[in-house]
C-alpha atoms as a PDB file:
ATOM      1  CA  MET A   1      85.071 102.340  49.771  1.00  0.00           C
ATOM      2  CA  LYS A   2      88.424 101.380  51.105  1.00  0.00           C
ATOM      3  CA  HIS A   3      88.400  99.920  54.858  1.00  0.00           C
ATOM      4  CA  ASP A   4      91.330 102.035  57.269  1.00  0.00           C
ATOM      5  CA  LYS A   5      92.621  98.796  59.147  1.00  0.00           C
ATOM      6  CA  LEU A   6      93.651 101.067  62.218  1.00  0.00           C
ATOM      7  CA  ARG A   7      90.044 101.976  63.001  1.00  0.00           C
ATOM      8  CA  PRO A   8      87.404  99.416  64.019  1.00  0.00           C
ATOM      9  CA  ASP A   9      84.756  98.321  61.762  1.00  0.00           C
ATOM     10  CA  ASN A  10      81.473  98.641  63.984  1.00  0.00           C
ATOM     11  CA  HIS A  11      80.415 100.902  66.426  1.00  0.00           C
ATOM     12  CA  PHE A  12      80.695  98.848  69.745  1.00  0.00           C
ATOM     13  CA  LEU A  13      84.213  98.293  68.952  1.00  0.00           C
ATOM     14  CA  ASP A  14      84.550 102.085  68.186  1.00  0.00           C
ATOM     15  CA  LEU A  15      83.368 102.952  71.253  1.00  0.00           C
ATOM     16  CA  ALA A  16      85.047 100.284  73.252  1.00  0.00           C
ATOM     17  CA  LYS A  17      88.356 101.881  71.617  1.00  0.00           C
ATOM     18  CA  LEU A  18      87.538 105.263  72.334  1.00  0.00           C
ATOM     19  CA  THR A  19      86.619 104.279  76.198  1.00  0.00           C
ATOM     20  CA  SER A  20      89.822 101.854  76.464  1.00  0.00           C
ATOM     21  CA  TYR A  21      87.750  99.298  77.477  1.00  0.00           C
ATOM     22  CA  GLU A  22      89.443  95.891  78.361  1.00  0.00           C
ATOM     23  CA  PHE A  23      87.489  92.637  77.229  1.00  0.00           C
ATOM     24  CA  GLN A  24      87.477  89.899  79.529  1.00  0.00           C
ATOM     25  CA  LYS A  25      90.230  87.359  78.718  1.00  0.00           C
ATOM     26  CA  TYR A  26      89.325  83.690  78.908  1.00  0.00           C
ATOM     27  CA  ALA A  27      92.714  82.278  78.455  1.00  0.00           C
ATOM     28  CA  LYS A  28      93.607  79.983  80.933  1.00  0.00           C
ATOM     29  CA  GLN A  29      96.436  81.729  83.011  1.00  0.00           C
ATOM     30  CA  GLU A  30      99.120  79.728  84.686  1.00  0.00           C
ATOM     31  CA  ASP A  31      98.659  79.212  88.257  1.00  0.00           C
ATOM     32  CA  THR A  32     101.771  79.290  90.407  1.00  0.00           C
ATOM     33  CA  SER A  33     101.679  77.869  93.749  1.00  0.00           C
ATOM     34  CA  LEU A  34     102.717  80.322  96.872  1.00  0.00           C
ATOM     35  CA  GLU A  35     105.224  77.575  98.018  1.00  0.00           C
ATOM     36  CA  MET A  36     106.857  77.727  94.333  1.00  0.00           C
ATOM     37  CA  GLU A  37     106.746  81.570  94.315  1.00  0.00           C
ATOM     38  CA  LEU A  38     108.463  81.422  97.837  1.00  0.00           C
ATOM     39  CA  MET A  39     110.888  78.842  97.017  1.00  0.00           C
ATOM     40  CA  SER A  40     112.295  80.913  93.829  1.00  0.00           C
ATOM     41  CA  ALA A  41     112.444  83.922  96.163  1.00  0.00           C
ATOM     42  CA  LEU A  42     114.668  82.094  98.421  1.00  0.00           C
ATOM     43  CA  LEU A  43     117.130  81.115  95.354  1.00  0.00           C
ATOM     44  CA  GLU A  44     117.927  85.015  95.133  1.00  0.00           C
ATOM     45  CA  ALA A  45     118.204  85.316  98.874  1.00  0.00           C
ATOM     46  CA  PRO A  46     121.428  83.446 100.065  1.00  0.00           C
ATOM     47  CA  ASP A  47     121.228  85.100 103.557  1.00  0.00           C
ATOM     48  CA  VAL A  48     118.012  83.382 103.941  1.00  0.00           C
ATOM     49  CA  ILE A  49     119.059  79.997 102.472  1.00  0.00           C
ATOM     50  CA  ASP A  50     121.964  80.125 104.780  1.00  0.00           C
ATOM     51  CA  MET A  51     120.099  80.754 108.079  1.00  0.00           C
ATOM     52  CA  PHE A  52     117.555  77.673 106.919  1.00  0.00           C
ATOM     53  CA  LEU A  53     120.793  75.824 106.544  1.00  0.00           C
ATOM     54  CA  ARG A  54     122.426  76.536 109.978  1.00  0.00           C
ATOM     55  CA  GLN A  55     119.164  75.780 111.557  1.00  0.00           C
ATOM     56  CA  GLN A  56     118.590  72.671 109.968  1.00  0.00           C
ATOM     57  CA  SER A  57     122.356  71.338 110.708  1.00  0.00           C
ATOM     58  CA  GLY A  58     121.364  71.887 114.612  1.00  0.00           C
ATOM     59  CA  GLN A  59     122.927  75.376 115.201  1.00  0.00           C
ATOM     60  CA  GLU A  60     120.739  77.288 117.358  1.00  0.00           C
ATOM     61  CA  VAL A  61     119.176  80.802 115.182  1.00  0.00           C
ATOM     62  CA  SER A  62     117.008  82.750 117.512  1.00  0.00           C
ATOM     63  CA  GLN A  63     113.643  83.817 116.642  1.00  0.00           C
ATOM     64  CA  ALA A  64     114.934  87.534 116.442  1.00  0.00           C
ATOM     65  CA  GLU A  65     117.712  86.502 113.677  1.00  0.00           C
ATOM     66  CA  ILE A  66     115.254  84.468 111.650  1.00  0.00           C
ATOM     67  CA  SER A  67     112.847  87.514 111.717  1.00  0.00           C
ATOM     68  CA  ARG A  68     115.312  90.184 110.769  1.00  0.00           C
ATOM     69  CA  THR A  69     116.995  87.741 108.153  1.00  0.00           C
ATOM     70  CA  ILE A  70     113.500  87.095 106.389  1.00  0.00           C
ATOM     71  CA  MET A  71     112.363  90.706 106.638  1.00  0.00           C
ATOM     72  CA  SER A  72     115.849  91.589 105.203  1.00  0.00           C
ATOM     73  CA  SER A  73     114.453  90.366 101.618  1.00  0.00           C
ATOM     74  CA  PRO A  74     110.906  91.988 100.915  1.00  0.00           C
ATOM     75  CA  LYS A  75     109.813  89.371  98.338  1.00  0.00           C
ATOM     76  CA  VAL A  76     110.745  86.769 100.622  1.00  0.00           C
ATOM     77  CA  ALA A  77     109.189  88.504 103.403  1.00  0.00           C
ATOM     78  CA  ARG A  78     105.761  89.168 101.170  1.00  0.00           C
ATOM     79  CA  LEU A  79     105.421  85.849 100.479  1.00  0.00           C
ATOM     80  CA  PHE A  80     105.840  84.489 103.910  1.00  0.00           C
ATOM     81  CA  LEU A  81     103.660  87.126 105.620  1.00  0.00           C
ATOM     82  CA  GLU A  82     100.953  86.215 102.864  1.00  0.00           C
ATOM     83  CA  GLY A  83     101.629  82.509 103.829  1.00  0.00           C
ATOM     84  CA  LEU A  84     100.671  83.095 107.481  1.00  0.00           C
ATOM     85  CA  VAL A  85      97.567  85.149 106.245  1.00  0.00           C
ATOM     86  CA  LYS A  86      96.005  82.531 103.927  1.00  0.00           C
ATOM     87  CA  SER A  87      96.912  79.551 106.626  1.00  0.00           C
ATOM     88  CA  GLY A  88      95.052  81.651 109.013  1.00  0.00           C
ATOM     89  CA  ALA A  89      98.070  82.294 111.619  1.00  0.00           C
ATOM     90  CA  ILE A  90      97.813  86.253 110.970  1.00  0.00           C
ATOM     91  CA  SER A  91      94.526  87.713 110.934  1.00  0.00           C
ATOM     92  CA  PHE A  92      93.774  91.680 110.891  1.00  0.00           C
ATOM     93  CA  GLY A  93      90.507  91.544 112.817  1.00  0.00           C
ATOM     94  CA  ASN A  94      87.994  91.054 110.155  1.00  0.00           C
ATOM     95  CA  LYS A  95      85.367  90.696 113.059  1.00  0.00           C
ATOM     96  CA  GLU A  96      82.935  93.202 114.083  1.00  0.00           C
ATOM     97  CA  VAL A  97      83.166  94.861 117.324  1.00  0.00           C
ATOM     98  CA  PRO A  98      80.018  95.349 119.318  1.00  0.00           C
ATOM     99  CA  ALA A  99      78.900  98.366 119.996  1.00  0.00           C
ATOM    100  CA  THR A 100      78.815  99.688 123.250  1.00  0.00           C
ATOM    101  CA  LYS A 101      75.811 101.553 125.061  1.00  0.00           C
ATOM    102  CA  LYS A 102      75.853 105.200 126.122  1.00  0.00           C
ATOM    103  CA  LYS A 103      74.930 105.516 129.665  1.00  0.00           C
ATOM    104  CA  LYS A 104      72.150 108.552 129.848  1.00  0.00           C
END
C-alpha cells in the first residue's frame, strides 16, 4: 500500500487538518522591547525627531505641538500610548463603580 505524502498518516493528524487546528508553538520568540520598537518608529518619523531635537537644543516647544506631531505618525502614537498605559500614566478605569441604592 502506497502512502500519499499530502495526507496525514493517523486519525489525530487527519482531524487536525480537517478542523484547521493550530498546534502550540514552543519555539522561543524574539522579544523586542517597547523602547526599541519606539526608537525604530521614530527613525521613520523625521518630523518627530526634528521636534525632539529642537526641544533638546533649548527651543520652546508647546505641549500642543508635541501632541500634534506625535499623533501625526500612527505607529509612533500607538507605541507612546502603549508605553503610557503600561507605566500606569493612563488608566481606562478598570475599577468597579459602586452600585447606588434606589430610593423607595
